[in-house]
Structure formats: structure tokens, C-alpha cells
Amino acid sequence: MIVSGERLGQYLTMTTGHAWADFDTRDVSELEDAADASSRLGSHVESLSSGFWNALPNLTRPPEASPPYPLIQVVDYGIKFSKRSVFERNLEMFLQARDERICHLTFCGS
């Protein structure tokens, strides 16, 4: 359940570890899948949507615990395709500076 932000109160489910080829074929047609979802969830759900996200493992700080997580913060950025490398480079520099600052404040490595 999303607990803050623009989508407050909505639910998010996700799966990870897929290759793009996983989405090339389906066990059932999209129409059959939609009909099944509607029959099972229709009276409980206002709307459904789906999307694809790319994980950036070198730019994220996942929790050390294993899923399911009781609470996790997800920040979703909309980046122009032509600006992706600039965004990733700037985010990497920010995270490095933040980690160095945290290390300095907590005397890690001393």
C-alpha cells in the first residue's frame, strides 16, 4: 500500500528478475487476463495500470533484509531518454557524496 505522495492509498505489486523476452509470449491473451482480473477484482478496484521499470543496482540502496519488506521507499523519476546518462552520473555523484558524509559523521573506517 502506498502510504504517501500522489498515489496515497493505492496498492502496488511487482515482480523482479525478468528479461524482456519474458514479456514476448503470454500464457493467456491480454483480453483473457483483463477479463479474469475484472471478474476477480472488479468490485474492489477503481482502476488498474501496469508499467515497466529498469532497476539501477549501482544507484540504489535496497534494504539489507530480504523481501517482503514491511515498508520500502521507492522514488520514481521520469527521465527524458536522451538525458538518462546525465541523470545517472549526477545521481551517482550525489550518492557517493552522501555516503562519504555519512561515513564521516559516523566515523566509519576509523
PDB file of N, CA and C in Angstrom:
ATOM      1  N   MET A   1       0.850  -1.171   0.000  1.00  0.00           N
ATOM      2  CA  MET A   1       0.000   0.000   0.000  1.00  0.00           C
ATOM      3  C   MET A   1       0.897   1.235   0.000  1.00  0.00           C
ATOM      4  N   ILE A   2       0.596   2.156  -0.850  1.00  0.00           N
ATOM      5  CA  ILE A   2       1.360   3.398  -0.913  1.00  0.00           C
ATOM      6  C   ILE A   2       0.885   4.293   0.222  1.00  0.00           C
ATOM      7  N   VAL A   3       1.834   4.771   1.054  1.00  0.00           N
ATOM      8  CA  VAL A   3       1.473   5.493   2.280  1.00  0.00           C
ATOM      9  C   VAL A   3       1.739   6.989   2.219  1.00  0.00           C
ATOM     10  N   SER A   4       2.292   7.478   1.111  1.00  0.00           N
ATOM     11  CA  SER A   4       2.460   8.921   0.978  1.00  0.00           C
ATOM     12  C   SER A   4       2.589   9.271  -0.496  1.00  0.00           C
ATOM     13  N   GLY A   5       2.418  10.540  -0.777  1.00  0.00           N
ATOM     14  CA  GLY A   5       2.599  11.011  -2.143  1.00  0.00           C
ATOM     15  C   GLY A   5       1.329  11.011  -2.967  1.00  0.00           C
ATOM     16  N   GLU A   6       1.531  11.223  -4.231  1.00  0.00           N
ATOM     17  CA  GLU A   6       0.452  11.410  -5.191  1.00  0.00           C
ATOM     18  C   GLU A   6      -0.483  10.193  -5.284  1.00  0.00           C
ATOM     19  N   ARG A   7       0.039   9.012  -5.062  1.00  0.00           N
ATOM     20  CA  ARG A   7      -0.753   7.785  -5.196  1.00  0.00           C
ATOM     21  C   ARG A   7      -1.142   7.188  -3.837  1.00  0.00           C
ATOM     22  N   LEU A   8      -1.254   8.033  -2.828  1.00  0.00           N
ATOM     23  CA  LEU A   8      -1.622   7.623  -1.475  1.00  0.00           C
ATOM     24  C   LEU A   8      -2.835   6.700  -1.481  1.00  0.00           C
ATOM     25  N   GLY A   9      -2.724   5.575  -0.755  1.00  0.00           N
ATOM     26  CA  GLY A   9      -3.832   4.649  -0.626  1.00  0.00           C
ATOM     27  C   GLY A   9      -3.915   3.602  -1.722  1.00  0.00           C
ATOM     28  N   GLN A  10      -3.149   3.760  -2.770  1.00  0.00           N
ATOM     29  CA  GLN A  10      -3.152   2.763  -3.837  1.00  0.00           C
ATOM     30  C   GLN A  10      -2.241   1.603  -3.456  1.00  0.00           C
ATOM     31  N   TYR A  11      -2.400   0.504  -4.152  1.00  0.00           N
ATOM     32  CA  TYR A  11      -1.571  -0.673  -3.919  1.00  0.00           C
ATOM     33  C   TYR A  11      -0.662  -0.894  -5.111  1.00  0.00           C
ATOM     34  N   LEU A  12       0.515  -1.408  -4.814  1.00  0.00           N
ATOM     35  CA  LEU A  12       1.499  -1.674  -5.851  1.00  0.00           C
ATOM     36  C   LEU A  12       1.984  -3.103  -5.681  1.00  0.00           C
ATOM     37  N   THR A  13       1.941  -3.859  -6.742  1.00  0.00           N
ATOM     38  CA  THR A  13       2.539  -5.192  -6.733  1.00  0.00           C
ATOM     39  C   THR A  13       3.574  -5.222  -7.839  1.00  0.00           C
ATOM     40  N   MET A  14       4.608  -6.019  -7.630  1.00  0.00           N
ATOM     41  CA  MET A  14       5.647  -6.073  -8.648  1.00  0.00           C
ATOM     42  C   MET A  14       6.371  -7.403  -8.596  1.00  0.00           C
ATOM     43  N   THR A  15       6.985  -7.729  -9.699  1.00  0.00           N
ATOM     44  CA  THR A  15       7.862  -8.878  -9.767  1.00  0.00           C
ATOM     45  C   THR A  15       9.179  -8.401 -10.351  1.00  0.00           C
ATOM     46  N   THR A  16      10.240  -9.079 -10.012  1.00  0.00           N
ATOM     47  CA  THR A  16      11.564  -8.669 -10.483  1.00  0.00           C
ATOM     48  C   THR A  16      12.271  -9.842 -11.133  1.00  0.00           C
ATOM     49  N   GLY A  17      13.415  -9.548 -11.713  1.00  0.00           N
ATOM     50  CA  GLY A  17      14.253 -10.592 -12.276  1.00  0.00           C
ATOM     51  C   GLY A  17      13.813 -11.083 -13.644  1.00  0.00           C
ATOM     52  N   HIS A  18      13.079 -10.260 -14.381  1.00  0.00           N
ATOM     53  CA  HIS A  18      12.609 -10.669 -15.700  1.00  0.00           C
ATOM     54  C   HIS A  18      13.561 -10.190 -16.795  1.00  0.00           C
ATOM     55  N   ALA A  19      13.584 -10.935 -17.876  1.00  0.00           N
ATOM     56  CA  ALA A  19      14.240 -10.498 -19.119  1.00  0.00           C
ATOM     57  C   ALA A  19      13.128  -9.974 -20.027  1.00  0.00           C
ATOM     58  N   TRP A  20      13.482  -9.091 -20.959  1.00  0.00           N
ATOM     59  CA  TRP A  20      12.459  -8.563 -21.859  1.00  0.00           C
ATOM     60  C   TRP A  20      11.757  -9.686 -22.606  1.00  0.00           C
ATOM     61  N   ALA A  21      12.462 -10.765 -22.909  1.00  0.00           N
ATOM     62  CA  ALA A  21      11.871 -11.898 -23.634  1.00  0.00           C
ATOM     63  C   ALA A  21      10.722 -12.533 -22.847  1.00  0.00           C
ATOM     64  N   ASP A  22      10.723 -12.382 -21.530  1.00  0.00           N
ATOM     65  CA  ASP A  22       9.643 -12.928 -20.707  1.00  0.00           C
ATOM     66  C   ASP A  22       8.279 -12.329 -21.080  1.00  0.00           C
ATOM     67  N   PHE A  23       8.295 -11.147 -21.667  1.00  0.00           N
ATOM     68  CA  PHE A  23       7.049 -10.462 -21.993  1.00  0.00           C
ATOM     69  C   PHE A  23       6.642 -10.633 -23.456  1.00  0.00           C
ATOM     70  N   ASP A  24       7.431 -11.374 -24.213  1.00  0.00           N
ATOM     71  CA  ASP A  24       7.132 -11.583 -25.625  1.00  0.00           C
ATOM     72  C   ASP A  24       6.005 -12.578 -25.844  1.00  0.00           C
ATOM     73  N   THR A  25       5.846 -13.526 -24.947  1.00  0.00           N
ATOM     74  CA  THR A  25       4.764 -14.501 -25.061  1.00  0.00           C
ATOM     75  C   THR A  25       4.013 -14.529 -23.738  1.00  0.00           C
ATOM     76  N   ARG A  26       2.745 -14.875 -23.827  1.00  0.00           N
ATOM     77  CA  ARG A  26       1.900 -14.920 -22.629  1.00  0.00           C
ATOM     78  C   ARG A  26       1.219 -16.269 -22.559  1.00  0.00           C
ATOM     79  N   ASP A  27       0.919 -16.723 -21.343  1.00  0.00           N
ATOM     80  CA  ASP A  27       0.176 -17.968 -21.160  1.00  0.00           C
ATOM     81  C   ASP A  27      -1.273 -17.802 -21.623  1.00  0.00           C
ATOM     82  N   VAL A  28      -1.823 -16.608 -21.412  1.00  0.00           N
ATOM     83  CA  VAL A  28      -3.189 -16.302 -21.841  1.00  0.00           C
ATOM     84  C   VAL A  28      -3.167 -14.977 -22.582  1.00  0.00           C
ATOM     85  N   SER A  29      -4.190 -14.724 -23.379  1.00  0.00           N
ATOM     86  CA  SER A  29      -4.233 -13.465 -24.124  1.00  0.00           C
ATOM     87  C   SER A  29      -4.457 -12.295 -23.173  1.00  0.00           C
ATOM     88  N   GLU A  30      -4.146 -11.124 -23.644  1.00  0.00           N
ATOM     89  CA  GLU A  30      -4.343  -9.918 -22.836  1.00  0.00           C
ATOM     90  C   GLU A  30      -5.826  -9.739 -22.500  1.00  0.00           C
ATOM     91  N   LEU A  31      -6.695 -10.066 -23.442  1.00  0.00           N
ATOM     92  CA  LEU A  31      -8.138  -9.954 -23.197  1.00  0.00           C
ATOM     93  C   LEU A  31      -8.597 -10.933 -22.117  1.00  0.00           C
ATOM     94  N   GLU A  32      -8.099 -12.173 -22.166  1.00  0.00           N
ATOM     95  CA  GLU A  32      -8.455 -13.161 -21.142  1.00  0.00           C
ATOM     96  C   GLU A  32      -7.939 -12.724 -19.772  1.00  0.00           C
ATOM     97  N   ASP A  33      -6.732 -12.188 -19.742  1.00  0.00           N
ATOM     98  CA  ASP A  33      -6.145 -11.720 -18.493  1.00  0.00           C
ATOM     99  C   ASP A  33      -6.970 -10.577 -17.912  1.00  0.00           C
ATOM    100  N   ALA A  34      -7.376  -9.633 -18.762  1.00  0.00           N
ATOM    101  CA  ALA A  34      -8.181  -8.493 -18.308  1.00  0.00           C
ATOM    102  C   ALA A  34      -9.541  -8.962 -17.800  1.00  0.00           C
ATOM    103  N   ALA A  35     -10.145  -9.923 -18.505  1.00  0.00           N
ATOM    104  CA  ALA A  35     -11.456 -10.448 -18.081  1.00  0.00           C
ATOM    105  C   ALA A  35     -11.337 -11.150 -16.732  1.00  0.00           C
ATOM    106  N   ASP A  36     -10.265 -11.914 -16.533  1.00  0.00           N
ATOM    107  CA  ASP A  36     -10.050 -12.603 -15.260  1.00  0.00           C
ATOM    108  C   ASP A  36      -9.853 -11.598 -14.132  1.00  0.00           C
ATOM    109  N   ALA A  37      -9.021 -10.593 -14.369  1.00  0.00           N
ATOM    110  CA  ALA A  37      -8.782  -9.562 -13.345  1.00  0.00           C
ATOM    111  C   ALA A  37     -10.079  -8.839 -13.007  1.00  0.00           C
ATOM    112  N   SER A  38     -10.865  -8.532 -14.020  1.00  0.00           N
ATOM    113  CA  SER A  38     -12.126  -7.831 -13.790  1.00  0.00           C
ATOM    114  C   SER A  38     -13.097  -8.687 -12.979  1.00  0.00           C
ATOM    115  N   SER A  39     -13.178  -9.983 -13.287  1.00  0.00           N
ATOM    116  CA  SER A  39     -14.110 -10.845 -12.557  1.00  0.00           C
ATOM    117  C   SER A  39     -13.675 -11.052 -11.111  1.00  0.00           C
ATOM    118  N   ARG A  40     -12.381 -11.093 -10.867  1.00  0.00           N
ATOM    119  CA  ARG A  40     -11.890 -11.337  -9.501  1.00  0.00           C
ATOM    120  C   ARG A  40     -11.787 -10.060  -8.675  1.00  0.00           C
ATOM    121  N   LEU A  41     -11.422  -8.957  -9.322  1.00  0.00           N
ATOM    122  CA  LEU A  41     -11.137  -7.732  -8.582  1.00  0.00           C
ATOM    123  C   LEU A  41     -12.112  -6.599  -8.850  1.00  0.00           C
ATOM    124  N   GLY A  42     -12.921  -6.742  -9.871  1.00  0.00           N
ATOM    125  CA  GLY A  42     -13.766  -5.654 -10.364  1.00  0.00           C
ATOM    126  C   GLY A  42     -14.491  -4.843  -9.315  1.00  0.00           C
ATOM    127  N   SER A  43     -15.131  -5.497  -8.353  1.00  0.00           N
ATOM    128  CA  SER A  43     -15.901  -4.752  -7.360  1.00  0.00           C
ATOM    129  C   SER A  43     -15.027  -4.118  -6.278  1.00  0.00           C
ATOM    130  N   HIS A  44     -13.735  -4.433  -6.279  1.00  0.00           N
ATOM    131  CA  HIS A  44     -12.840  -3.924  -5.239  1.00  0.00           C
ATOM    132  C   HIS A  44     -11.831  -2.899  -5.743  1.00  0.00           C
ATOM    133  N   VAL A  45     -11.740  -2.741  -7.054  1.00  0.00           N
ATOM    134  CA  VAL A  45     -10.674  -1.924  -7.637  1.00  0.00           C
ATOM    135  C   VAL A  45     -11.258  -0.816  -8.486  1.00  0.00           C
ATOM    136  N   GLU A  46     -10.752   0.394  -8.276  1.00  0.00           N
ATOM    137  CA  GLU A  46     -11.195   1.541  -9.064  1.00  0.00           C
ATOM    138  C   GLU A  46     -10.547   1.537 -10.441  1.00  0.00           C
ATOM    139  N   SER A  47      -9.250   1.225 -10.507  1.00  0.00           N
ATOM    140  CA  SER A  47      -8.549   1.192 -11.795  1.00  0.00           C
ATOM    141  C   SER A  47      -7.305   0.324 -11.674  1.00  0.00           C
ATOM    142  N   LEU A  48      -6.853  -0.182 -12.789  1.00  0.00           N
ATOM    143  CA  LEU A  48      -5.639  -0.977 -12.864  1.00  0.00           C
ATOM    144  C   LEU A  48      -4.696  -0.337 -13.875  1.00  0.00           C
ATOM    145  N   SER A  49      -3.429  -0.425 -13.624  1.00  0.00           N
ATOM    146  CA  SER A  49      -2.445   0.035 -14.605  1.00  0.00           C
ATOM    147  C   SER A  49      -1.204  -0.831 -14.467  1.00  0.00           C
ATOM    148  N   SER A  50      -0.390  -0.825 -15.477  1.00  0.00           N
ATOM    149  CA  SER A  50       0.856  -1.583 -15.407  1.00  0.00           C
ATOM    150  C   SER A  50       1.960  -0.767 -16.050  1.00  0.00           C
ATOM    151  N   GLY A  51       3.170  -1.118 -15.732  1.00  0.00           N
ATOM    152  CA  GLY A  51       4.310  -0.395 -16.282  1.00  0.00           C
ATOM    153  C   GLY A  51       5.564  -1.217 -16.152  1.00  0.00           C
ATOM    154  N   PHE A  52       6.606  -0.721 -16.733  1.00  0.00           N
ATOM    155  CA  PHE A  52       7.908  -1.374 -16.683  1.00  0.00           C
ATOM    156  C   PHE A  52       8.920  -0.376 -16.145  1.00  0.00           C
ATOM    157  N   TRP A  53       9.768  -0.846 -15.253  1.00  0.00           N
ATOM    158  CA  TRP A  53      10.819  -0.018 -14.682  1.00  0.00           C
ATOM    159  C   TRP A  53      12.125  -0.766 -14.822  1.00  0.00           C
ATOM    160  N   ASN A  54      13.177  -0.024 -14.997  1.00  0.00           N
ATOM    161  CA  ASN A  54      14.523  -0.609 -15.001  1.00  0.00           C
ATOM    162  C   ASN A  54      15.151  -0.351 -13.652  1.00  0.00           C
ATOM    163  N   ALA A  55      15.658  -1.396 -13.047  1.00  0.00           N
ATOM    164  CA  ALA A  55      16.386  -1.239 -11.788  1.00  0.00           C
ATOM    165  C   ALA A  55      17.786  -0.733 -12.122  1.00  0.00           C
ATOM    166  N   LEU A  56      18.299   0.122 -11.286  1.00  0.00           N
ATOM    167  CA  LEU A  56      19.661   0.642 -11.433  1.00  0.00           C
ATOM    168  C   LEU A  56      20.445   0.216 -10.196  1.00  0.00           C
ATOM    169  N   PRO A  57      20.921  -1.038 -10.171  1.00  0.00           N
ATOM    170  CA  PRO A  57      21.517  -1.587  -8.954  1.00  0.00           C
ATOM    171  C   PRO A  57      22.687  -0.778  -8.406  1.00  0.00           C
ATOM    172  N   ASN A  58      23.476  -0.165  -9.275  1.00  0.00           N
ATOM    173  CA  ASN A  58      24.615   0.612  -8.776  1.00  0.00           C
ATOM    174  C   ASN A  58      24.191   1.979  -8.242  1.00  0.00           C
ATOM    175  N   LEU A  59      22.911   2.328  -8.396  1.00  0.00           N
ATOM    176  CA  LEU A  59      22.428   3.623  -7.923  1.00  0.00           C
ATOM    177  C   LEU A  59      21.345   3.502  -6.863  1.00  0.00           C
ATOM    178  N   THR A  60      21.107   2.293  -6.373  1.00  0.00           N
ATOM    179  CA  THR A  60      20.055   2.111  -5.378  1.00  0.00           C
ATOM    180  C   THR A  60      20.648   1.631  -4.065  1.00  0.00           C
ATOM    181  N   ARG A  61      19.869   1.772  -3.043  1.00  0.00           N
ATOM    182  CA  ARG A  61      20.273   1.300  -1.723  1.00  0.00           C
ATOM    183  C   ARG A  61      19.170   0.403  -1.186  1.00  0.00           C
ATOM    184  N   PRO A  62      19.070  -0.835  -1.708  1.00  0.00           N
ATOM    185  CA  PRO A  62      17.990  -1.709  -1.225  1.00  0.00           C
ATOM    186  C   PRO A  62      18.208  -2.090   0.232  1.00  0.00           C
ATOM    187  N   PRO A  63      17.127  -2.402   0.928  1.00  0.00           N
ATOM    188  CA  PRO A  63      17.263  -2.819   2.325  1.00  0.00           C
ATOM    189  C   PRO A  63      18.131  -4.069   2.446  1.00  0.00           C
ATOM    190  N   GLU A  64      18.804  -4.218   3.574  1.00  0.00           N
ATOM    191  CA  GLU A  64      19.642  -5.395   3.790  1.00  0.00           C
ATOM    192  C   GLU A  64      18.804  -6.636   4.055  1.00  0.00           C
ATOM    193  N   ALA A  65      17.574  -6.457   4.523  1.00  0.00           N
ATOM    194  CA  ALA A  65      16.690  -7.591   4.790  1.00  0.00           C
ATOM    195  C   ALA A  65      16.153  -8.151   3.480  1.00  0.00           C
ATOM    196  N   SER A  66      15.626  -9.344   3.535  1.00  0.00           N
ATOM    197  CA  SER A  66      15.028  -9.966   2.360  1.00  0.00           C
ATOM    198  C   SER A  66      13.556  -9.591   2.266  1.00  0.00           C
ATOM    199  N   PRO A  67      13.015  -9.570   1.036  1.00  0.00           N
ATOM    200  CA  PRO A  67      11.571  -9.310   0.908  1.00  0.00           C
ATOM    201  C   PRO A  67      10.776 -10.408   1.583  1.00  0.00           C
ATOM    202  N   PRO A  68       9.551 -10.188   1.995  1.00  0.00           N
ATOM    203  CA  PRO A  68       8.817  -8.943   1.818  1.00  0.00           C
ATOM    204  C   PRO A  68       9.240  -7.910   2.859  1.00  0.00           C
ATOM    205  N   TYR A  69       9.352  -6.682   2.423  1.00  0.00           N
ATOM    206  CA  TYR A  69       9.746  -5.598   3.305  1.00  0.00           C
ATOM    207  C   TYR A  69       8.504  -5.018   3.971  1.00  0.00           C
ATOM    208  N   PRO A  70       8.580  -4.678   5.250  1.00  0.00           N
ATOM    209  CA  PRO A  70       7.418  -4.064   5.886  1.00  0.00           C
ATOM    210  C   PRO A  70       7.119  -2.692   5.285  1.00  0.00           C
ATOM    211  N   LEU A  71       8.155  -1.989   4.866  1.00  0.00           N
ATOM    212  CA  LEU A  71       7.992  -0.659   4.275  1.00  0.00           C
ATOM    213  C   LEU A  71       9.255  -0.357   3.475  1.00  0.00           C
ATOM    214  N   ILE A  72       9.101   0.157   2.285  1.00  0.00           N
ATOM    215  CA  ILE A  72      10.243   0.498   1.453  1.00  0.00           C
ATOM    216  C   ILE A  72       9.931   1.800   0.726  1.00  0.00           C
ATOM    217  N   GLN A  73      10.921   2.636   0.571  1.00  0.00           N
ATOM    218  CA  GLN A  73      10.740   3.895  -0.144  1.00  0.00           C
ATOM    219  C   GLN A  73      11.152   3.694  -1.597  1.00  0.00           C
ATOM    220  N   VAL A  74      10.267   4.071  -2.495  1.00  0.00           N
ATOM    221  CA  VAL A  74      10.553   3.994  -3.915  1.00  0.00           C
ATOM    222  C   VAL A  74      10.391   5.392  -4.487  1.00  0.00           C
ATOM    223  N   VAL A  75      11.403   5.866  -5.168  1.00  0.00           N
ATOM    224  CA  VAL A  75      11.337   7.158  -5.826  1.00  0.00           C
ATOM    225  C   VAL A  75      11.332   6.889  -7.323  1.00  0.00           C
ATOM    226  N   ASP A  76      10.333   7.384  -7.991  1.00  0.00           N
ATOM    227  CA  ASP A  76      10.136   7.143  -9.421  1.00  0.00           C
ATOM    228  C   ASP A  76      10.417   8.440 -10.171  1.00  0.00           C
ATOM    229  N   TYR A  77      11.459   8.448 -10.978  1.00  0.00           N
ATOM    230  CA  TYR A  77      11.817   9.627 -11.760  1.00  0.00           C
ATOM    231  C   TYR A  77      11.432   9.406 -13.214  1.00  0.00           C
ATOM    232  N   GLY A  78      10.851  10.407 -13.834  1.00  0.00           N
ATOM    233  CA  GLY A  78      10.598  10.387 -15.276  1.00  0.00           C
ATOM    234  C   GLY A  78      11.740  11.127 -15.955  1.00  0.00           C
ATOM    235  N   ILE A  79      12.549  10.414 -16.706  1.00  0.00           N
ATOM    236  CA  ILE A  79      13.746  10.986 -17.322  1.00  0.00           C
ATOM    237  C   ILE A  79      13.602  10.956 -18.841  1.00  0.00           C
ATOM    238  N   LYS A  80      13.944  12.052 -19.483  1.00  0.00           N
ATOM    239  CA  LYS A  80      13.991  12.046 -20.942  1.00  0.00           C
ATOM    240  C   LYS A  80      15.065  11.055 -21.370  1.00  0.00           C
ATOM    241  N   PHE A  81      14.743  10.242 -22.363  1.00  0.00           N
ATOM    242  CA  PHE A  81      15.664   9.195 -22.787  1.00  0.00           C
ATOM    243  C   PHE A  81      17.046   9.763 -23.109  1.00  0.00           C
ATOM    244  N   SER A  82      17.103  10.900 -23.747  1.00  0.00           N
ATOM    245  CA  SER A  82      18.389  11.486 -24.139  1.00  0.00           C
ATOM    246  C   SER A  82      19.187  12.012 -22.947  1.00  0.00           C
ATOM    247  N   LYS A  83      18.542  12.134 -21.782  1.00  0.00           N
ATOM    248  CA  LYS A  83      19.197  12.672 -20.587  1.00  0.00           C
ATOM    249  C   LYS A  83      19.513  11.596 -19.547  1.00  0.00           C
ATOM    250  N   ARG A  84      19.259  10.332 -19.872  1.00  0.00           N
ATOM    251  CA  ARG A  84      19.435   9.261 -18.895  1.00  0.00           C
ATOM    252  C   ARG A  84      20.863   9.200 -18.357  1.00  0.00           C
ATOM    253  N   SER A  85      21.863   9.238 -19.224  1.00  0.00           N
ATOM    254  CA  SER A  85      23.244   9.107 -18.748  1.00  0.00           C
ATOM    255  C   SER A  85      23.639  10.279 -17.854  1.00  0.00           C
ATOM    256  N   VAL A  86      23.168  11.473 -18.159  1.00  0.00           N
ATOM    257  CA  VAL A  86      23.461  12.644 -17.322  1.00  0.00           C
ATOM    258  C   VAL A  86      22.809  12.472 -15.951  1.00  0.00           C
ATOM    259  N   PHE A  87      21.552  12.040 -15.933  1.00  0.00           N
ATOM    260  CA  PHE A  87      20.848  11.810 -14.679  1.00  0.00           C
ATOM    261  C   PHE A  87      21.577  10.768 -13.840  1.00  0.00           C
ATOM    262  N   GLU A  88      21.927   9.644 -14.442  1.00  0.00           N
ATOM    263  CA  GLU A  88      22.591   8.569 -13.703  1.00  0.00           C
ATOM    264  C   GLU A  88      23.948   9.023 -13.163  1.00  0.00           C
ATOM    265  N   ARG A  89      24.695   9.767 -13.944  1.00  0.00           N
ATOM    266  CA  ARG A  89      26.001  10.260 -13.483  1.00  0.00           C
ATOM    267  C   ARG A  89      25.823  11.215 -12.302  1.00  0.00           C
ATOM    268  N   ASN A  90      24.862  12.130 -12.400  1.00  0.00           N
ATOM    269  CA  ASN A  90      24.619  13.076 -11.304  1.00  0.00           C
ATOM    270  C   ASN A  90      24.124  12.365 -10.048  1.00  0.00           C
ATOM    271  N   LEU A  91      23.244  11.394 -10.215  1.00  0.00           N
ATOM    272  CA  LEU A  91      22.753  10.646  -9.062  1.00  0.00           C
ATOM    273  C   LEU A  91      23.878   9.852  -8.410  1.00  0.00           C
ATOM    274  N   GLU A  92      24.735   9.249  -9.218  1.00  0.00           N
ATOM    275  CA  GLU A  92      25.865   8.500  -8.676  1.00  0.00           C
ATOM    276  C   GLU A  92      26.791   9.414  -7.863  1.00  0.00           C
ATOM    277  N   MET A  93      27.059  10.623  -8.375  1.00  0.00           N
ATOM    278  CA  MET A  93      27.914  11.565  -7.642  1.00  0.00           C
ATOM    279  C   MET A  93      27.246  11.998  -6.342  1.00  0.00           C
ATOM    280  N   PHE A  94      25.929  12.231  -6.371  1.00  0.00           N
ATOM    281  CA  PHE A  94      25.201  12.613  -5.162  1.00  0.00           C
ATOM    282  C   PHE A  94      25.269  11.507  -4.112  1.00  0.00           C
ATOM    283  N   LEU A  95      25.008  10.263  -4.525  1.00  0.00           N
ATOM    284  CA  LEU A  95      25.020   9.154  -3.576  1.00  0.00           C
ATOM    285  C   LEU A  95      26.407   8.934  -2.988  1.00  0.00           C
ATOM    286  N   GLN A  96      27.428   9.095  -3.809  1.00  0.00           N
ATOM    287  CA  GLN A  96      28.796   8.943  -3.309  1.00  0.00           C
ATOM    288  C   GLN A  96      29.106  10.019  -2.276  1.00  0.00           C
ATOM    289  N   ALA A  97      28.742  11.259  -2.573  1.00  0.00           N
ATOM    290  CA  ALA A  97      28.976  12.351  -1.622  1.00  0.00           C
ATOM    291  C   ALA A  97      28.183  12.122  -0.337  1.00  0.00           C
ATOM    292  N   ARG A  98      26.949  11.659  -0.465  1.00  0.00           N
ATOM    293  CA  ARG A  98      26.129  11.383   0.712  1.00  0.00           C
ATOM    294  C   ARG A  98      26.755  10.283   1.563  1.00  0.00           C
ATOM    295  N   ASP A  99      27.200   9.199   0.915  1.00  0.00           N
ATOM    296  CA  ASP A  99      27.811   8.097   1.644  1.00  0.00           C
ATOM    297  C   ASP A  99      29.091   8.537   2.341  1.00  0.00           C
ATOM    298  N   GLU A 100      29.891   9.377   1.678  1.00  0.00           N
ATOM    299  CA  GLU A 100      31.117   9.884   2.299  1.00  0.00           C
ATOM    300  C   GLU A 100      30.786  10.751   3.503  1.00  0.00           C
ATOM    301  N   ARG A 101      29.734  11.549   3.401  1.00  0.00           N
ATOM    302  CA  ARG A 101      29.314  12.415   4.505  1.00  0.00           C
ATOM    303  C   ARG A 101      28.815  11.571   5.675  1.00  0.00           C
ATOM    304  N   ILE A 102      27.993  10.552   5.385  1.00  0.00           N
ATOM    305  CA  ILE A 102      27.503   9.665   6.447  1.00  0.00           C
ATOM    306  C   ILE A 102      28.666   8.958   7.113  1.00  0.00           C
ATOM    307  N   CYS A 103      29.618   8.492   6.319  1.00  0.00           N
ATOM    308  CA  CYS A 103      30.779   7.803   6.871  1.00  0.00           C
ATOM    309  C   CYS A 103      31.567   8.751   7.784  1.00  0.00           C
ATOM    310  N   HIS A 104      31.739   9.987   7.343  1.00  0.00           N
ATOM    311  CA  HIS A 104      32.464  10.961   8.146  1.00  0.00           C
ATOM    312  C   HIS A 104      31.738  11.226   9.472  1.00  0.00           C
ATOM    313  N   LEU A 105      30.409  11.369   9.412  1.00  0.00           N
ATOM    314  CA  LEU A 105      29.645  11.670  10.623  1.00  0.00           C
ATOM    315  C   LEU A 105      29.597  10.506  11.585  1.00  0.00           C
ATOM    316  N   THR A 106      29.689   9.275  11.092  1.00  0.00           N
ATOM    317  CA  THR A 106      29.603   8.105  11.957  1.00  0.00           C
ATOM    318  C   THR A 106      30.960   7.499  12.235  1.00  0.00           C
ATOM    319  N   PHE A 107      32.025   8.140  11.767  1.00  0.00           N
ATOM    320  CA  PHE A 107      33.404   7.699  11.994  1.00  0.00           C
ATOM    321  C   PHE A 107      33.658   6.297  11.482  1.00  0.00           C
ATOM    322  N   CYS A 108      33.004   5.912  10.379  1.00  0.00           N
ATOM    323  CA  CYS A 108      33.257   4.580   9.850  1.00  0.00           C
ATOM    324  C   CYS A 108      34.666   4.511   9.277  1.00  0.00           C
ATOM    325  N   GLY A 109      35.258   3.368   9.351  1.00  0.00           N
ATOM    326  CA  GLY A 109      36.602   3.183   8.838  1.00  0.00           C
ATOM    327  C   GLY A 109      37.676   3.718   9.764  1.00  0.00           C
ATOM    328  N   SER A 110      37.305   4.217  10.919  1.00  0.00           N
ATOM    329  CA  SER A 110      38.310   4.775  11.849  1.00  0.00           C
ATOM    330  C   SER A 110      38.710   3.754  12.875  1.00  0.00           C
TER     331      SER A 110
END
